[in-house]
Amino acid sequence: MINLIRCDDRLIHGQCMTRLVQHYFIKNIIVIDEFTATNPAMKYVVEKIAMPGMKNEVYTIDQAAAPIREAVNSKTGTMIVFRFPTIARALFDQVPELPKSLMIGPVQKRDDTITVQDGTYLTRSEIDDLDYLDAKGIEIFFQVVPDMKRIEFKEFKNKIK
């Protein structure tokens, strides 16, 4: 089962990931990242840093649909993680049976980004991708870790209009 779909430009990382794994009962992490999936050394590192009793898998967006469908039908708690909202749009289009919820954590500051919260910045194009998902009934929210304040996408959108 998919317990969490998360956008976080750090992908897999220390304490935050530990807290997410415990909170959402995760045993499997599916990483979707073109660079990591196509770089054998990086892919090896990400797959091998799995915490004891867990499994990390790394795919490109084109490779991800089949393993995600398997995870949807599995009894193993799974998290899907990727760097940018554009990937979320592609995922929800490719695998419509995904749970209708998207958590967005830190996304790096780049040229022409809008601040959502400290550490989370989006481009207009990424906001458009989230609008698209919102219109499809996907619940979208910004939250670094489960015990921090949650900002709903609709609330953020109302502030930037």
C-alpha atoms as a PDB file:
ATOM      1  CA  MET A   1       0.000   0.000   0.000  1.00  0.00           C
ATOM      2  CA  ILE A   2       1.121   3.538  -0.587  1.00  0.00           C
ATOM      3  CA  ASN A   3       1.193   5.310   2.777  1.00  0.00           C
ATOM      4  CA  LEU A   4       2.799   8.551   1.618  1.00  0.00           C
ATOM      5  CA  ILE A   5       3.547  10.390  -1.613  1.00  0.00           C
ATOM      6  CA  ARG A   6       6.106  13.104  -0.945  1.00  0.00           C
ATOM      7  CA  CYS A   7       7.911  15.793  -2.878  1.00  0.00           C
ATOM      8  CA  ASP A   8      11.242  16.540  -1.158  1.00  0.00           C
ATOM      9  CA  ASP A   9      14.306  17.655  -3.095  1.00  0.00           C
ATOM     10  CA  ARG A  10      16.581  15.906  -0.600  1.00  0.00           C
ATOM     11  CA  LEU A  11      14.950  12.549  -1.423  1.00  0.00           C
ATOM     12  CA  ILE A  12      16.164  10.281   1.412  1.00  0.00           C
ATOM     13  CA  HIS A  13      17.815  11.950   4.380  1.00  0.00           C
ATOM     14  CA  GLY A  14      18.426  11.594   8.128  1.00  0.00           C
ATOM     15  CA  GLN A  15      16.134  12.546  10.974  1.00  0.00           C
ATOM     16  CA  CYS A  16      13.281  13.828   8.853  1.00  0.00           C
ATOM     17  CA  MET A  17      13.098  10.557   6.941  1.00  0.00           C
ATOM     18  CA  THR A  18      13.303   8.582  10.176  1.00  0.00           C
ATOM     19  CA  ARG A  19      10.323  10.524  11.514  1.00  0.00           C
ATOM     20  CA  LEU A  20       8.329  10.037   8.318  1.00  0.00           C
ATOM     21  CA  VAL A  21       9.111   6.315   8.206  1.00  0.00           C
ATOM     22  CA  GLN A  22       7.938   5.837  11.787  1.00  0.00           C
ATOM     23  CA  HIS A  23       4.857   8.051  11.496  1.00  0.00           C
ATOM     24  CA  TYR A  24       3.608   6.475   8.264  1.00  0.00           C
ATOM     25  CA  PHE A  25       4.753   2.874   8.977  1.00  0.00           C
ATOM     26  CA  ILE A  26       7.005   2.737   5.907  1.00  0.00           C
ATOM     27  CA  LYS A  27       8.991  -0.388   4.986  1.00  0.00           C
ATOM     28  CA  ASN A  28       9.672   0.403   1.331  1.00  0.00           C
ATOM     29  CA  ILE A  29      10.740   3.664  -0.319  1.00  0.00           C
ATOM     30  CA  ILE A  30      10.376   4.234  -4.041  1.00  0.00           C
ATOM     31  CA  VAL A  31      12.635   7.069  -5.190  1.00  0.00           C
ATOM     32  CA  ILE A  32      11.831   8.639  -8.532  1.00  0.00           C
ATOM     33  CA  ASP A  33      14.728  10.690  -9.801  1.00  0.00           C
ATOM     34  CA  GLU A  34      16.236  10.750 -13.273  1.00  0.00           C
ATOM     35  CA  PHE A  35      19.772  11.603 -12.143  1.00  0.00           C
ATOM     36  CA  THR A  36      19.919   9.018  -9.355  1.00  0.00           C
ATOM     37  CA  ALA A  37      18.305   6.266 -11.412  1.00  0.00           C
ATOM     38  CA  THR A  38      20.642   6.757 -14.381  1.00  0.00           C
ATOM     39  CA  ASN A  39      23.844   7.111 -12.361  1.00  0.00           C
ATOM     40  CA  PRO A  40      24.907   3.595 -11.271  1.00  0.00           C
ATOM     41  CA  ALA A  41      26.996   4.815  -8.334  1.00  0.00           C
ATOM     42  CA  MET A  42      24.253   7.093  -6.977  1.00  0.00           C
ATOM     43  CA  LYS A  43      21.585   4.439  -7.486  1.00  0.00           C
ATOM     44  CA  TYR A  44      23.712   1.900  -5.604  1.00  0.00           C
ATOM     45  CA  VAL A  45      24.252   4.309  -2.695  1.00  0.00           C
ATOM     46  CA  VAL A  46      20.556   5.206  -2.370  1.00  0.00           C
ATOM     47  CA  GLU A  47      19.482   1.572  -2.507  1.00  0.00           C
ATOM     48  CA  LYS A  48      22.104   0.529   0.074  1.00  0.00           C
ATOM     49  CA  ILE A  49      21.354   3.290   2.629  1.00  0.00           C
ATOM     50  CA  ALA A  50      18.043   1.683   3.499  1.00  0.00           C
ATOM     51  CA  MET A  51      17.442   1.438   7.217  1.00  0.00           C
ATOM     52  CA  PRO A  52      17.428  -2.104   8.672  1.00  0.00           C
ATOM     53  CA  GLY A  53      14.291  -3.992   7.630  1.00  0.00           C
ATOM     54  CA  MET A  54      13.573  -1.552   4.814  1.00  0.00           C
ATOM     55  CA  LYS A  55      14.067  -1.488   1.069  1.00  0.00           C
ATOM     56  CA  ASN A  56      14.884   1.500  -1.160  1.00  0.00           C
ATOM     57  CA  GLU A  57      14.207   1.306  -4.898  1.00  0.00           C
ATOM     58  CA  VAL A  58      15.225   3.911  -7.487  1.00  0.00           C
ATOM     59  CA  TYR A  59      13.524   4.519 -10.843  1.00  0.00           C
ATOM     60  CA  THR A  60      13.203   7.052 -13.609  1.00  0.00           C
ATOM     61  CA  ILE A  61       9.710   8.414 -14.171  1.00  0.00           C
ATOM     62  CA  ASP A  62       9.362   6.125 -17.204  1.00  0.00           C
ATOM     63  CA  GLN A  63      10.305   3.041 -15.141  1.00  0.00           C
ATOM     64  CA  ALA A  64       8.195   3.866 -12.091  1.00  0.00           C
ATOM     65  CA  ALA A  65       4.611   2.983 -13.067  1.00  0.00           C
ATOM     66  CA  ALA A  66       4.864  -0.830 -12.803  1.00  0.00           C
ATOM     67  CA  PRO A  67       6.630  -0.924  -9.396  1.00  0.00           C
ATOM     68  CA  ILE A  68       4.218   1.699  -8.062  1.00  0.00           C
ATOM     69  CA  ARG A  69       1.220  -0.361  -9.184  1.00  0.00           C
ATOM     70  CA  GLU A  70       2.749  -3.358  -7.387  1.00  0.00           C
ATOM     71  CA  ALA A  71       3.176  -1.231  -4.253  1.00  0.00           C
ATOM     72  CA  VAL A  72      -0.440  -0.001  -4.438  1.00  0.00           C
ATOM     73  CA  ASN A  73      -1.578  -3.637  -4.242  1.00  0.00           C
ATOM     74  CA  SER A  74       0.990  -4.711  -1.639  1.00  0.00           C
ATOM     75  CA  LYS A  75       0.460  -4.959   2.113  1.00  0.00           C
ATOM     76  CA  THR A  76       3.876  -3.339   2.691  1.00  0.00           C
ATOM     77  CA  GLY A  77       3.791   0.322   3.709  1.00  0.00           C
ATOM     78  CA  THR A  78       5.455   2.301   0.933  1.00  0.00           C
ATOM     79  CA  MET A  79       6.495   5.897   0.434  1.00  0.00           C
ATOM     80  CA  ILE A  80       7.063   7.441  -2.983  1.00  0.00           C
ATOM     81  CA  VAL A  81       9.507  10.362  -2.975  1.00  0.00           C
ATOM     82  CA  PHE A  82      10.726  12.683  -5.735  1.00  0.00           C
ATOM     83  CA  ARG A  83      12.270  16.158  -6.044  1.00  0.00           C
ATOM     84  CA  PHE A  84       9.768  18.393  -7.849  1.00  0.00           C
ATOM     85  CA  PRO A  85       5.960  18.744  -8.325  1.00  0.00           C
ATOM     86  CA  THR A  86       6.286  18.096 -12.063  1.00  0.00           C
ATOM     87  CA  ILE A  87       6.993  14.454 -11.210  1.00  0.00           C
ATOM     88  CA  ALA A  88       3.796  14.307  -9.134  1.00  0.00           C
ATOM     89  CA  ARG A  89       1.731  15.339 -12.133  1.00  0.00           C
ATOM     90  CA  ALA A  90       3.304  12.624 -14.278  1.00  0.00           C
ATOM     91  CA  LEU A  91       2.827  10.003 -11.539  1.00  0.00           C
ATOM     92  CA  PHE A  92      -0.834  10.711 -10.904  1.00  0.00           C
ATOM     93  CA  ASP A  93      -1.444  10.645 -14.680  1.00  0.00           C
ATOM     94  CA  GLN A  94       0.422   7.339 -15.132  1.00  0.00           C
ATOM     95  CA  VAL A  95      -0.988   5.619 -12.040  1.00  0.00           C
ATOM     96  CA  PRO A  96      -4.507   6.944 -11.391  1.00  0.00           C
ATOM     97  CA  GLU A  97      -5.087   4.391  -8.606  1.00  0.00           C
ATOM     98  CA  LEU A  98      -2.606   6.215  -6.343  1.00  0.00           C
ATOM     99  CA  PRO A  99      -3.982   7.586  -3.066  1.00  0.00           C
ATOM    100  CA  LYS A 100      -5.247  11.129  -3.652  1.00  0.00           C
ATOM    101  CA  SER A 101      -2.826  12.883  -1.307  1.00  0.00           C
ATOM    102  CA  LEU A 102       0.501  14.670  -1.838  1.00  0.00           C
ATOM    103  CA  MET A 103       2.799  15.989   0.890  1.00  0.00           C
ATOM    104  CA  ILE A 104       5.320  18.593  -0.198  1.00  0.00           C
ATOM    105  CA  GLY A 105       8.369  19.094   1.982  1.00  0.00           C
ATOM    106  CA  PRO A 106      11.491  21.118   1.201  1.00  0.00           C
ATOM    107  CA  VAL A 107      11.997  22.145  -2.427  1.00  0.00           C
ATOM    108  CA  GLN A 108      15.101  24.193  -3.175  1.00  0.00           C
ATOM    109  CA  LYS A 109      15.087  27.884  -3.982  1.00  0.00           C
ATOM    110  CA  ARG A 110      15.758  28.546  -7.657  1.00  0.00           C
ATOM    111  CA  ASP A 111      15.399  31.480 -10.022  1.00  0.00           C
ATOM    112  CA  ASP A 112      11.828  32.781 -10.202  1.00  0.00           C
ATOM    113  CA  THR A 113      10.472  30.769  -7.274  1.00  0.00           C
ATOM    114  CA  ILE A 114       7.753  31.805  -4.848  1.00  0.00           C
ATOM    115  CA  THR A 115       8.201  31.095  -1.132  1.00  0.00           C
ATOM    116  CA  VAL A 116       5.674  28.694   0.365  1.00  0.00           C
ATOM    117  CA  GLN A 117       7.498  28.427   3.710  1.00  0.00           C
ATOM    118  CA  ASP A 118      11.135  28.433   4.796  1.00  0.00           C
ATOM    119  CA  GLY A 119      12.797  25.748   2.694  1.00  0.00           C
ATOM    120  CA  THR A 120       9.942  25.268   0.233  1.00  0.00           C
ATOM    121  CA  TYR A 121       9.928  27.254  -2.999  1.00  0.00           C
ATOM    122  CA  LEU A 122       7.918  26.707  -6.182  1.00  0.00           C
ATOM    123  CA  THR A 123       8.027  28.052  -9.718  1.00  0.00           C
ATOM    124  CA  ARG A 124       4.857  29.237 -11.470  1.00  0.00           C
ATOM    125  CA  SER A 125       5.053  26.137 -13.649  1.00  0.00           C
ATOM    126  CA  GLU A 126       5.154  23.886 -10.572  1.00  0.00           C
ATOM    127  CA  ILE A 127       2.180  25.758  -9.106  1.00  0.00           C
ATOM    128  CA  ASP A 128       0.341  25.121 -12.380  1.00  0.00           C
ATOM    129  CA  ASP A 129       1.144  21.406 -12.040  1.00  0.00           C
ATOM    130  CA  LEU A 130      -0.297  21.457  -8.513  1.00  0.00           C
ATOM    131  CA  ASP A 131      -3.384  23.323  -9.756  1.00  0.00           C
ATOM    132  CA  TYR A 132      -3.868  20.533 -12.274  1.00  0.00           C
ATOM    133  CA  LEU A 133      -3.642  17.899  -9.529  1.00  0.00           C
ATOM    134  CA  ASP A 134      -5.910  19.906  -7.229  1.00  0.00           C
ATOM    135  CA  ALA A 135      -8.529  20.034  -9.996  1.00  0.00           C
ATOM    136  CA  LYS A 136      -8.303  16.220 -10.205  1.00  0.00           C
ATOM    137  CA  GLY A 137      -9.191  15.957  -6.501  1.00  0.00           C
ATOM    138  CA  ILE A 138      -5.688  15.373  -5.132  1.00  0.00           C
ATOM    139  CA  GLU A 139      -5.257  16.699  -1.576  1.00  0.00           C
ATOM    140  CA  ILE A 140      -2.045  18.764  -1.605  1.00  0.00           C
ATOM    141  CA  PHE A 141      -0.344  20.105   1.486  1.00  0.00           C
ATOM    142  CA  PHE A 142       3.032  21.457   2.571  1.00  0.00           C
ATOM    143  CA  GLN A 143       4.603  19.925   5.659  1.00  0.00           C
ATOM    144  CA  VAL A 144       8.241  19.266   6.500  1.00  0.00           C
ATOM    145  CA  VAL A 145       7.539  16.600   9.140  1.00  0.00           C
ATOM    146  CA  PRO A 146       4.262  15.278  10.593  1.00  0.00           C
ATOM    147  CA  ASP A 147       4.350  17.309  13.822  1.00  0.00           C
ATOM    148  CA  MET A 148       4.974  20.646  12.092  1.00  0.00           C
ATOM    149  CA  LYS A 149       2.314  23.054  10.851  1.00  0.00           C
ATOM    150  CA  ARG A 150       0.540  21.881   7.737  1.00  0.00           C
ATOM    151  CA  ILE A 151      -0.252  24.407   4.991  1.00  0.00           C
ATOM    152  CA  GLU A 152      -2.967  23.416   2.555  1.00  0.00           C
ATOM    153  CA  PHE A 153      -2.278  24.142  -1.121  1.00  0.00           C
ATOM    154  CA  LYS A 154      -5.594  25.998  -1.424  1.00  0.00           C
ATOM    155  CA  GLU A 155      -4.562  28.264   1.493  1.00  0.00           C
ATOM    156  CA  PHE A 156      -1.220  28.990  -0.189  1.00  0.00           C
ATOM    157  CA  LYS A 157      -2.908  29.661  -3.544  1.00  0.00           C
ATOM    158  CA  ASN A 158      -5.298  32.169  -1.976  1.00  0.00           C
ATOM    159  CA  LYS A 159      -2.346  34.131  -0.559  1.00  0.00           C
ATOM    160  CA  ILE A 160      -0.517  34.499  -3.892  1.00  0.00           C
ATOM    161  CA  LYS A 161      -3.465  35.545  -6.063  1.00  0.00           C
END
